[in-house]
Amino acid sequence: MIKKISIFYEAIKFEHTIFALPFAYLGMVLAARGVPSGWQILWITLAMVGARSLAMATNRLVDASQDALNPRTANRALPKRLLKPLEMLLFALASLALFAFAAWQLNTLCLLLLPVALVFLVGYPYTKRFTWLCHLALGIADGIAPIGGWIAVNPTISVANLLPPLLLGLAVAAWVGGFDLIYSCQDLDFDRKMRLHSIPVHFGVSTTLTLSTLMHALTIILLLSVGILLHLGLIYWIGLAIATGLLIYEHRLINPNDLSKLNVAFFNMNGYIAVVVFLCTCLAIYIRYP
């Protein structure tokens, strides 16, 4: 049993939750202007775990046949038959049940918006079969996290209430889409061979890295807008400055002729960015709303 759990843990890359979970918490604490109730934190956490596990399990199922042919992914659990497709499907359904139950426990609006989230969480793996905008689809899937965290705490429907989480969600979408552009460069040859769609396939690595830089610049602009709109103060600006520096460093690690440091840029830098922005925002909120 422990071995099977370990295989599932590796298969869905549970540790990658660090990319989205801090931003779900960010939406949560901004909506609450502090620390929400313990129950809200619990159900938001479980909703995020369920949503991301569902997305990754679906991705593994949909891409299983292609993963078996790609040298980079041939060692994954399904291609190596460490897990059966039925086991992954049952895991996906269990994750969906957890996501839906947590949304129901939070509030009615969260439950009503669940189908919208599912379109992107479940639909993303299919997009690279017909559009090079698949990176944007992944970004939107992760951008739902801070919006969901906000609505879980403050489900009021108004322009004033929904503009901050929408800007934050767009920032996360641009951020994730931007680093997915970088990550997708390593599969350029395979994607061409399999006739899959991606921006590297259609526009080349150099253009892809330029677009990634522009998307990350948009991320910073959107986060600036959130800080101005909510009057978050000095600590937030310091965190944003650190995040900007990390993004610049991330892009300096790679170039069209050398992708050897791609994994460092993808995993390390983006994990640091998520944590830094979250912690500095929490400190800013604590100072503003003690």
C-alpha atoms as a PDB file:
ATOM      1  CA  MET A   1       0.000   0.000   0.000  1.00  0.00           C
ATOM      2  CA  ILE A   2       2.770   2.439   0.915  1.00  0.00           C
ATOM      3  CA  LYS A   3       4.577   1.647  -2.328  1.00  0.00           C
ATOM      4  CA  LYS A   4       1.395   2.256  -4.321  1.00  0.00           C
ATOM      5  CA  ILE A   5       0.844   5.608  -2.604  1.00  0.00           C
ATOM      6  CA  SER A   6       4.434   6.548  -3.398  1.00  0.00           C
ATOM      7  CA  ILE A   7       3.874   5.703  -7.068  1.00  0.00           C
ATOM      8  CA  PHE A   8       0.729   7.863  -7.192  1.00  0.00           C
ATOM      9  CA  TYR A   9       2.593  10.687  -5.432  1.00  0.00           C
ATOM     10  CA  GLU A  10       5.324  10.588  -8.074  1.00  0.00           C
ATOM     11  CA  ALA A  11       2.879  10.116 -10.958  1.00  0.00           C
ATOM     12  CA  ILE A  12       0.886  13.266 -10.250  1.00  0.00           C
ATOM     13  CA  LYS A  13       3.921  15.302  -9.141  1.00  0.00           C
ATOM     14  CA  PHE A  14       2.225  16.352  -5.913  1.00  0.00           C
ATOM     15  CA  GLU A  15       5.148  18.613  -5.028  1.00  0.00           C
ATOM     16  CA  HIS A  16       4.244  20.871  -7.972  1.00  0.00           C
ATOM     17  CA  THR A  17       1.244  22.011  -5.931  1.00  0.00           C
ATOM     18  CA  ILE A  18       3.612  24.711  -4.634  1.00  0.00           C
ATOM     19  CA  PHE A  19       3.067  26.562  -7.914  1.00  0.00           C
ATOM     20  CA  ALA A  20      -0.676  27.051  -7.395  1.00  0.00           C
ATOM     21  CA  LEU A  21      -1.468  26.549  -3.697  1.00  0.00           C
ATOM     22  CA  PRO A  22       0.258  29.735  -2.453  1.00  0.00           C
ATOM     23  CA  PHE A  23      -1.808  31.760  -4.916  1.00  0.00           C
ATOM     24  CA  ALA A  24      -5.039  30.102  -3.777  1.00  0.00           C
ATOM     25  CA  TYR A  25      -4.048  31.091  -0.244  1.00  0.00           C
ATOM     26  CA  LEU A  26      -3.174  34.547  -1.560  1.00  0.00           C
ATOM     27  CA  GLY A  27      -6.708  35.037  -2.875  1.00  0.00           C
ATOM     28  CA  MET A  28      -7.999  33.712   0.437  1.00  0.00           C
ATOM     29  CA  VAL A  29      -6.059  36.085   2.714  1.00  0.00           C
ATOM     30  CA  LEU A  30      -6.684  39.092   0.462  1.00  0.00           C
ATOM     31  CA  ALA A  31     -10.428  38.440   0.519  1.00  0.00           C
ATOM     32  CA  ALA A  32     -10.389  37.980   4.292  1.00  0.00           C
ATOM     33  CA  ARG A  33      -7.967  40.878   4.822  1.00  0.00           C
ATOM     34  CA  GLY A  34      -6.201  38.578   7.213  1.00  0.00           C
ATOM     35  CA  VAL A  35      -6.548  34.975   8.288  1.00  0.00           C
ATOM     36  CA  PRO A  36      -9.901  33.337   7.444  1.00  0.00           C
ATOM     37  CA  SER A  37     -11.488  30.682   9.623  1.00  0.00           C
ATOM     38  CA  GLY A  38      -9.798  27.344  10.158  1.00  0.00           C
ATOM     39  CA  TRP A  39     -12.594  25.555   8.322  1.00  0.00           C
ATOM     40  CA  GLN A  40     -12.220  27.802   5.299  1.00  0.00           C
ATOM     41  CA  ILE A  41      -8.483  27.142   5.188  1.00  0.00           C
ATOM     42  CA  LEU A  42      -9.101  23.395   5.470  1.00  0.00           C
ATOM     43  CA  TRP A  43     -11.685  23.220   2.683  1.00  0.00           C
ATOM     44  CA  ILE A  44      -9.725  25.533   0.383  1.00  0.00           C
ATOM     45  CA  THR A  45      -6.681  23.314   0.865  1.00  0.00           C
ATOM     46  CA  LEU A  46      -8.667  20.144   0.159  1.00  0.00           C
ATOM     47  CA  ALA A  47     -10.301  21.764  -2.872  1.00  0.00           C
ATOM     48  CA  MET A  48      -6.874  22.641  -4.261  1.00  0.00           C
ATOM     49  CA  VAL A  49      -5.519  19.150  -3.606  1.00  0.00           C
ATOM     50  CA  GLY A  50      -8.565  17.608  -5.274  1.00  0.00           C
ATOM     51  CA  ALA A  51      -8.491  19.979  -8.257  1.00  0.00           C
ATOM     52  CA  ARG A  52      -4.810  19.593  -8.970  1.00  0.00           C
ATOM     53  CA  SER A  53      -4.842  15.814  -8.452  1.00  0.00           C
ATOM     54  CA  LEU A  54      -7.788  15.549 -10.847  1.00  0.00           C
ATOM     55  CA  ALA A  55      -5.989  17.662 -13.451  1.00  0.00           C
ATOM     56  CA  MET A  56      -2.756  15.675 -13.236  1.00  0.00           C
ATOM     57  CA  ALA A  57      -4.488  12.280 -13.231  1.00  0.00           C
ATOM     58  CA  THR A  58      -6.494  13.286 -16.304  1.00  0.00           C
ATOM     59  CA  ASN A  59      -3.347  14.549 -17.975  1.00  0.00           C
ATOM     60  CA  ARG A  60      -1.570  11.252 -17.338  1.00  0.00           C
ATOM     61  CA  LEU A  61      -4.506   9.235 -18.694  1.00  0.00           C
ATOM     62  CA  VAL A  62      -4.980  11.335 -21.815  1.00  0.00           C
ATOM     63  CA  ASP A  63      -1.251  11.439 -22.617  1.00  0.00           C
ATOM     64  CA  ALA A  64      -0.373   7.845 -21.659  1.00  0.00           C
ATOM     65  CA  SER A  65       0.152   6.599 -25.216  1.00  0.00           C
ATOM     66  CA  GLN A  66       2.267   9.635 -26.149  1.00  0.00           C
ATOM     67  CA  ASP A  67       4.245   9.486 -22.897  1.00  0.00           C
ATOM     68  CA  ALA A  68       5.258   5.921 -23.780  1.00  0.00           C
ATOM     69  CA  LEU A  69       6.844   7.170 -27.027  1.00  0.00           C
ATOM     70  CA  ASN A  70       8.566  10.239 -25.591  1.00  0.00           C
ATOM     71  CA  PRO A  71      12.029   9.462 -24.100  1.00  0.00           C
ATOM     72  CA  ARG A  72      11.518  12.214 -21.504  1.00  0.00           C
ATOM     73  CA  THR A  73       8.274  10.706 -20.195  1.00  0.00           C
ATOM     74  CA  ALA A  74       8.618   6.988 -20.965  1.00  0.00           C
ATOM     75  CA  ASN A  75       9.474   6.231 -17.325  1.00  0.00           C
ATOM     76  CA  ARG A  76       6.180   7.552 -15.982  1.00  0.00           C
ATOM     77  CA  ALA A  77       3.921   5.189 -14.062  1.00  0.00           C
ATOM     78  CA  LEU A  78       1.367   4.420 -16.769  1.00  0.00           C
ATOM     79  CA  PRO A  79       3.830   3.765 -19.629  1.00  0.00           C
ATOM     80  CA  LYS A  80       5.894   1.516 -17.328  1.00  0.00           C
ATOM     81  CA  ARG A  81       2.706  -0.198 -16.121  1.00  0.00           C
ATOM     82  CA  LEU A  82       3.432   0.616 -12.493  1.00  0.00           C
ATOM     83  CA  LEU A  83      -0.179   1.782 -12.422  1.00  0.00           C
ATOM     84  CA  LYS A  84      -3.138   0.540 -14.412  1.00  0.00           C
ATOM     85  CA  PRO A  85      -5.306   3.016 -16.345  1.00  0.00           C
ATOM     86  CA  LEU A  86      -8.293   1.933 -14.229  1.00  0.00           C
ATOM     87  CA  GLU A  87      -6.385   2.802 -11.045  1.00  0.00           C
ATOM     88  CA  MET A  88      -5.567   6.255 -12.401  1.00  0.00           C
ATOM     89  CA  LEU A  89      -9.185   6.741 -13.493  1.00  0.00           C
ATOM     90  CA  LEU A  90     -10.466   5.809 -10.029  1.00  0.00           C
ATOM     91  CA  PHE A  91      -7.954   8.189  -8.502  1.00  0.00           C
ATOM     92  CA  ALA A  92      -9.190  10.953 -10.825  1.00  0.00           C
ATOM     93  CA  LEU A  93     -12.806  10.296  -9.838  1.00  0.00           C
ATOM     94  CA  ALA A  94     -11.885  10.316  -6.145  1.00  0.00           C
ATOM     95  CA  SER A  95     -10.072  13.633  -6.667  1.00  0.00           C
ATOM     96  CA  LEU A  96     -13.150  15.032  -8.417  1.00  0.00           C
ATOM     97  CA  ALA A  97     -15.325  13.938  -5.498  1.00  0.00           C
ATOM     98  CA  LEU A  98     -12.973  15.640  -3.033  1.00  0.00           C
ATOM     99  CA  PHE A  99     -12.933  18.835  -5.121  1.00  0.00           C
ATOM    100  CA  ALA A 100     -16.725  18.921  -5.428  1.00  0.00           C
ATOM    101  CA  PHE A 101     -17.318  18.146  -1.740  1.00  0.00           C
ATOM    102  CA  ALA A 102     -14.875  20.850  -0.630  1.00  0.00           C
ATOM    103  CA  ALA A 103     -16.537  23.393  -2.954  1.00  0.00           C
ATOM    104  CA  TRP A 104     -19.935  22.442  -1.516  1.00  0.00           C
ATOM    105  CA  GLN A 105     -18.615  22.940   2.020  1.00  0.00           C
ATOM    106  CA  LEU A 106     -17.303  26.405   1.179  1.00  0.00           C
ATOM    107  CA  ASN A 107     -20.314  28.181  -0.350  1.00  0.00           C
ATOM    108  CA  THR A 108     -22.941  27.984  -3.078  1.00  0.00           C
ATOM    109  CA  LEU A 109     -21.042  30.173  -5.549  1.00  0.00           C
ATOM    110  CA  CYS A 110     -17.992  27.895  -5.368  1.00  0.00           C
ATOM    111  CA  LEU A 111     -20.196  24.918  -6.165  1.00  0.00           C
ATOM    112  CA  LEU A 112     -21.955  26.707  -9.031  1.00  0.00           C
ATOM    113  CA  LEU A 113     -18.623  27.669 -10.608  1.00  0.00           C
ATOM    114  CA  LEU A 114     -17.220  24.150 -10.298  1.00  0.00           C
ATOM    115  CA  PRO A 115     -18.147  23.156 -13.897  1.00  0.00           C
ATOM    116  CA  VAL A 116     -16.251  26.171 -15.245  1.00  0.00           C
ATOM    117  CA  ALA A 117     -13.113  25.056 -13.424  1.00  0.00           C
ATOM    118  CA  LEU A 118     -13.569  21.488 -14.650  1.00  0.00           C
ATOM    119  CA  VAL A 119     -13.609  22.608 -18.296  1.00  0.00           C
ATOM    120  CA  PHE A 120     -10.011  23.812 -17.948  1.00  0.00           C
ATOM    121  CA  LEU A 121      -8.758  21.236 -15.441  1.00  0.00           C
ATOM    122  CA  VAL A 122      -9.962  18.277 -17.504  1.00  0.00           C
ATOM    123  CA  GLY A 123      -9.858  19.868 -20.955  1.00  0.00           C
ATOM    124  CA  TYR A 124      -6.276  21.172 -20.916  1.00  0.00           C
ATOM    125  CA  PRO A 125      -4.540  17.908 -21.981  1.00  0.00           C
ATOM    126  CA  TYR A 126      -6.622  17.792 -25.168  1.00  0.00           C
ATOM    127  CA  THR A 127      -5.799  21.332 -26.324  1.00  0.00           C
ATOM    128  CA  LYS A 128      -2.336  20.547 -27.694  1.00  0.00           C
ATOM    129  CA  ARG A 129      -4.012  18.241 -30.184  1.00  0.00           C
ATOM    130  CA  PHE A 130      -5.658  21.143 -31.999  1.00  0.00           C
ATOM    131  CA  THR A 131      -4.223  24.530 -30.909  1.00  0.00           C
ATOM    132  CA  TRP A 132      -0.887  26.099 -30.041  1.00  0.00           C
ATOM    133  CA  LEU A 133      -2.768  28.139 -27.419  1.00  0.00           C
ATOM    134  CA  CYS A 134      -2.549  25.094 -25.124  1.00  0.00           C
ATOM    135  CA  HIS A 135      -0.100  27.012 -22.896  1.00  0.00           C
ATOM    136  CA  LEU A 136      -2.767  29.621 -22.258  1.00  0.00           C
ATOM    137  CA  ALA A 137      -5.257  26.891 -21.346  1.00  0.00           C
ATOM    138  CA  LEU A 138      -2.837  25.587 -18.712  1.00  0.00           C
ATOM    139  CA  GLY A 139      -2.305  29.122 -17.416  1.00  0.00           C
ATOM    140  CA  ILE A 140      -6.047  29.667 -17.040  1.00  0.00           C
ATOM    141  CA  ALA A 141      -6.398  26.329 -15.226  1.00  0.00           C
ATOM    142  CA  ASP A 142      -3.889  27.527 -12.614  1.00  0.00           C
ATOM    143  CA  GLY A 143      -5.207  31.091 -12.678  1.00  0.00           C
ATOM    144  CA  ILE A 144      -8.490  29.771 -11.293  1.00  0.00           C
ATOM    145  CA  ALA A 145      -6.724  29.072  -7.970  1.00  0.00           C
ATOM    146  CA  PRO A 146      -6.550  32.633  -6.540  1.00  0.00           C
ATOM    147  CA  ILE A 147     -10.035  33.444  -7.855  1.00  0.00           C
ATOM    148  CA  GLY A 148     -11.367  30.333  -6.150  1.00  0.00           C
ATOM    149  CA  GLY A 149      -9.548  31.192  -2.924  1.00  0.00           C
ATOM    150  CA  TRP A 150     -11.089  34.676  -2.946  1.00  0.00           C
ATOM    151  CA  ILE A 151     -14.638  33.506  -3.720  1.00  0.00           C
ATOM    152  CA  ALA A 152     -14.386  30.802  -1.055  1.00  0.00           C
ATOM    153  CA  VAL A 153     -14.022  33.536   1.564  1.00  0.00           C
ATOM    154  CA  ASN A 154     -15.987  36.375  -0.061  1.00  0.00           C
ATOM    155  CA  PRO A 155     -18.661  35.186  -2.530  1.00  0.00           C
ATOM    156  CA  THR A 156     -20.150  38.651  -3.073  1.00  0.00           C
ATOM    157  CA  ILE A 157     -20.773  39.327  -6.763  1.00  0.00           C
ATOM    158  CA  SER A 158     -19.828  42.882  -7.752  1.00  0.00           C
ATOM    159  CA  VAL A 159     -17.265  44.595  -9.964  1.00  0.00           C
ATOM    160  CA  ALA A 160     -15.426  46.039  -6.972  1.00  0.00           C
ATOM    161  CA  ASN A 161     -15.248  42.645  -5.266  1.00  0.00           C
ATOM    162  CA  LEU A 162     -14.305  40.546  -8.278  1.00  0.00           C
ATOM    163  CA  LEU A 163     -11.776  42.856  -9.996  1.00  0.00           C
ATOM    164  CA  PRO A 164      -8.857  42.148  -7.580  1.00  0.00           C
ATOM    165  CA  PRO A 165      -9.124  38.335  -7.795  1.00  0.00           C
ATOM    166  CA  LEU A 166      -9.628  38.544 -11.557  1.00  0.00           C
ATOM    167  CA  LEU A 167      -6.405  40.556 -11.937  1.00  0.00           C
ATOM    168  CA  LEU A 168      -4.621  38.133  -9.630  1.00  0.00           C
ATOM    169  CA  GLY A 169      -5.969  35.176 -11.602  1.00  0.00           C
ATOM    170  CA  LEU A 170      -4.779  36.729 -14.878  1.00  0.00           C
ATOM    171  CA  ALA A 171      -1.358  37.329 -13.301  1.00  0.00           C
ATOM    172  CA  VAL A 172      -1.081  33.664 -12.355  1.00  0.00           C
ATOM    173  CA  ALA A 173      -2.346  32.604 -15.797  1.00  0.00           C
ATOM    174  CA  ALA A 174       0.342  34.723 -17.497  1.00  0.00           C
ATOM    175  CA  TRP A 175       3.004  33.463 -15.087  1.00  0.00           C
ATOM    176  CA  VAL A 176       2.166  29.770 -15.518  1.00  0.00           C
ATOM    177  CA  GLY A 177       1.635  30.111 -19.266  1.00  0.00           C
ATOM    178  CA  GLY A 178       4.983  31.869 -19.496  1.00  0.00           C
ATOM    179  CA  PHE A 179       6.978  29.185 -17.749  1.00  0.00           C
ATOM    180  CA  ASP A 180       5.075  26.450 -19.595  1.00  0.00           C
ATOM    181  CA  LEU A 181       6.383  28.025 -22.799  1.00  0.00           C
ATOM    182  CA  ILE A 182       9.905  27.530 -21.467  1.00  0.00           C
ATOM    183  CA  TYR A 183       9.204  23.971 -20.355  1.00  0.00           C
ATOM    184  CA  SER A 184       7.628  22.978 -23.657  1.00  0.00           C
ATOM    185  CA  CYS A 185      10.802  23.809 -25.593  1.00  0.00           C
ATOM    186  CA  GLN A 186      12.375  20.521 -24.508  1.00  0.00           C
ATOM    187  CA  ASP A 187       9.685  18.542 -26.373  1.00  0.00           C
ATOM    188  CA  LEU A 188      10.007  20.444 -29.643  1.00  0.00           C
ATOM    189  CA  ASP A 189      11.277  17.529 -31.747  1.00  0.00           C
ATOM    190  CA  PHE A 190       8.814  15.049 -30.271  1.00  0.00           C
ATOM    191  CA  ASP A 191       5.862  17.383 -30.723  1.00  0.00           C
ATOM    192  CA  ARG A 192       6.781  17.954 -34.353  1.00  0.00           C
ATOM    193  CA  LYS A 193       7.057  14.218 -34.925  1.00  0.00           C
ATOM    194  CA  MET A 194       3.664  13.556 -33.308  1.00  0.00           C
ATOM    195  CA  ARG A 195       2.076  16.588 -35.005  1.00  0.00           C
ATOM    196  CA  LEU A 196       1.146  18.106 -31.676  1.00  0.00           C
ATOM    197  CA  HIS A 197       0.536  21.833 -31.374  1.00  0.00           C
ATOM    198  CA  SER A 198       2.630  24.189 -29.297  1.00  0.00           C
ATOM    199  CA  ILE A 199       4.154  27.625 -29.669  1.00  0.00           C
ATOM    200  CA  PRO A 200       7.703  26.193 -30.020  1.00  0.00           C
ATOM    201  CA  VAL A 201       6.469  23.972 -32.876  1.00  0.00           C
ATOM    202  CA  HIS A 202       4.758  26.821 -34.720  1.00  0.00           C
ATOM    203  CA  PHE A 203       7.136  29.715 -33.998  1.00  0.00           C
ATOM    204  CA  GLY A 204      10.471  28.246 -32.888  1.00  0.00           C
ATOM    205  CA  VAL A 205      12.394  28.335 -29.619  1.00  0.00           C
ATOM    206  CA  SER A 206      13.710  31.899 -29.921  1.00  0.00           C
ATOM    207  CA  THR A 207      10.240  33.403 -30.435  1.00  0.00           C
ATOM    208  CA  THR A 208       8.852  31.186 -27.683  1.00  0.00           C
ATOM    209  CA  LEU A 209      11.363  32.473 -25.144  1.00  0.00           C
ATOM    210  CA  THR A 210      10.598  36.059 -26.188  1.00  0.00           C
ATOM    211  CA  LEU A 211       6.868  35.453 -25.699  1.00  0.00           C
ATOM    212  CA  SER A 212       7.599  33.887 -22.317  1.00  0.00           C
ATOM    213  CA  THR A 213       9.484  37.041 -21.290  1.00  0.00           C
ATOM    214  CA  LEU A 214       6.557  39.209 -22.395  1.00  0.00           C
ATOM    215  CA  MET A 215       4.072  37.052 -20.464  1.00  0.00           C
ATOM    216  CA  HIS A 216       6.161  37.320 -17.321  1.00  0.00           C
ATOM    217  CA  ALA A 217       6.390  41.082 -17.786  1.00  0.00           C
ATOM    218  CA  LEU A 218       2.578  41.075 -17.971  1.00  0.00           C
ATOM    219  CA  THR A 219       2.533  39.042 -14.751  1.00  0.00           C
ATOM    220  CA  ILE A 220       4.434  41.762 -12.920  1.00  0.00           C
ATOM    221  CA  ILE A 221       2.198  44.510 -14.357  1.00  0.00           C
ATOM    222  CA  LEU A 222      -0.928  42.660 -13.201  1.00  0.00           C
ATOM    223  CA  LEU A 223       0.522  42.063  -9.724  1.00  0.00           C
ATOM    224  CA  LEU A 224       1.395  45.762  -9.586  1.00  0.00           C
ATOM    225  CA  SER A 225      -2.239  46.523 -10.394  1.00  0.00           C
ATOM    226  CA  VAL A 226      -3.413  44.284  -7.552  1.00  0.00           C
ATOM    227  CA  GLY A 227      -1.083  46.036  -5.107  1.00  0.00           C
ATOM    228  CA  ILE A 228      -2.256  49.485  -6.179  1.00  0.00           C
ATOM    229  CA  LEU A 229      -5.920  48.537  -6.137  1.00  0.00           C
ATOM    230  CA  LEU A 230      -5.745  47.035  -2.645  1.00  0.00           C
ATOM    231  CA  HIS A 231      -3.177  49.525  -1.232  1.00  0.00           C
ATOM    232  CA  LEU A 232      -0.932  46.695  -0.042  1.00  0.00           C
ATOM    233  CA  GLY A 233       2.062  48.839   0.889  1.00  0.00           C
ATOM    234  CA  LEU A 234       5.854  48.579   1.088  1.00  0.00           C
ATOM    235  CA  ILE A 235       6.279  44.914   2.030  1.00  0.00           C
ATOM    236  CA  TYR A 236       4.210  43.845  -0.963  1.00  0.00           C
ATOM    237  CA  TRP A 237       6.349  45.994  -3.270  1.00  0.00           C
ATOM    238  CA  ILE A 238       9.501  44.430  -1.819  1.00  0.00           C
ATOM    239  CA  GLY A 239       8.097  40.958  -2.480  1.00  0.00           C
ATOM    240  CA  LEU A 240       7.170  41.950  -6.017  1.00  0.00           C
ATOM    241  CA  ALA A 241      10.678  43.337  -6.576  1.00  0.00           C
ATOM    242  CA  ILE A 242      12.172  40.027  -5.422  1.00  0.00           C
ATOM    243  CA  ALA A 243       9.789  38.105  -7.686  1.00  0.00           C
ATOM    244  CA  THR A 244      10.796  40.342 -10.608  1.00  0.00           C
ATOM    245  CA  GLY A 245      14.450  39.660  -9.912  1.00  0.00           C
ATOM    246  CA  LEU A 246      13.812  35.906  -9.783  1.00  0.00           C
ATOM    247  CA  LEU A 247      11.951  36.024 -13.107  1.00  0.00           C
ATOM    248  CA  ILE A 248      14.823  37.930 -14.707  1.00  0.00           C
ATOM    249  CA  TYR A 249      17.278  35.367 -13.354  1.00  0.00           C
ATOM    250  CA  GLU A 250      15.032  32.540 -14.610  1.00  0.00           C
ATOM    251  CA  HIS A 251      15.201  33.917 -18.131  1.00  0.00           C
ATOM    252  CA  ARG A 252      18.949  34.448 -17.930  1.00  0.00           C
ATOM    253  CA  LEU A 253      19.399  30.729 -17.204  1.00  0.00           C
ATOM    254  CA  ILE A 254      18.192  29.726 -20.650  1.00  0.00           C
ATOM    255  CA  ASN A 255      18.658  30.739 -24.262  1.00  0.00           C
ATOM    256  CA  PRO A 256      17.630  29.248 -27.608  1.00  0.00           C
ATOM    257  CA  ASN A 257      20.970  27.431 -27.932  1.00  0.00           C
ATOM    258  CA  ASP A 258      21.243  26.148 -24.360  1.00  0.00           C
ATOM    259  CA  LEU A 259      18.308  24.615 -22.485  1.00  0.00           C
ATOM    260  CA  SER A 260      20.492  22.622 -20.073  1.00  0.00           C
ATOM    261  CA  LYS A 261      19.325  24.654 -17.061  1.00  0.00           C
ATOM    262  CA  LEU A 262      15.650  24.454 -17.999  1.00  0.00           C
ATOM    263  CA  ASN A 263      14.642  22.333 -15.004  1.00  0.00           C
ATOM    264  CA  VAL A 264      16.344  24.733 -12.586  1.00  0.00           C
ATOM    265  CA  ALA A 265      14.511  27.642 -14.213  1.00  0.00           C
ATOM    266  CA  PHE A 266      11.185  25.790 -14.186  1.00  0.00           C
ATOM    267  CA  PHE A 267      11.117  24.139 -10.764  1.00  0.00           C
ATOM    268  CA  ASN A 268      13.369  26.151  -8.457  1.00  0.00           C
ATOM    269  CA  MET A 269      12.738  29.706  -9.580  1.00  0.00           C
ATOM    270  CA  ASN A 270       8.976  29.406  -9.930  1.00  0.00           C
ATOM    271  CA  GLY A 271       8.637  27.695  -6.571  1.00  0.00           C
ATOM    272  CA  TYR A 272      10.579  30.549  -4.955  1.00  0.00           C
ATOM    273  CA  ILE A 273       8.440  33.149  -6.738  1.00  0.00           C
ATOM    274  CA  ALA A 274       5.163  31.651  -5.494  1.00  0.00           C
ATOM    275  CA  VAL A 275       6.368  31.467  -1.890  1.00  0.00           C
ATOM    276  CA  VAL A 276       7.949  34.945  -1.867  1.00  0.00           C
ATOM    277  CA  VAL A 277       4.870  36.681  -3.270  1.00  0.00           C
ATOM    278  CA  PHE A 278       2.598  34.838  -0.835  1.00  0.00           C
ATOM    279  CA  LEU A 279       4.696  35.534   2.282  1.00  0.00           C
ATOM    280  CA  CYS A 280       5.271  39.200   1.482  1.00  0.00           C
ATOM    281  CA  THR A 281       1.585  39.718   0.747  1.00  0.00           C
ATOM    282  CA  CYS A 282       0.675  38.096   4.071  1.00  0.00           C
ATOM    283  CA  LEU A 283       3.067  40.428   5.879  1.00  0.00           C
ATOM    284  CA  ALA A 284       1.641  43.399   4.005  1.00  0.00           C
ATOM    285  CA  ILE A 285      -1.903  42.439   4.989  1.00  0.00           C
ATOM    286  CA  TYR A 286      -0.858  41.890   8.617  1.00  0.00           C
ATOM    287  CA  ILE A 287       0.643  45.380   8.759  1.00  0.00           C
ATOM    288  CA  ARG A 288      -2.349  47.007   7.052  1.00  0.00           C
ATOM    289  CA  TYR A 289      -5.031  45.035   8.926  1.00  0.00           C
ATOM    290  CA  PRO A 290      -3.411  44.034  12.250  1.00  0.00           C
END
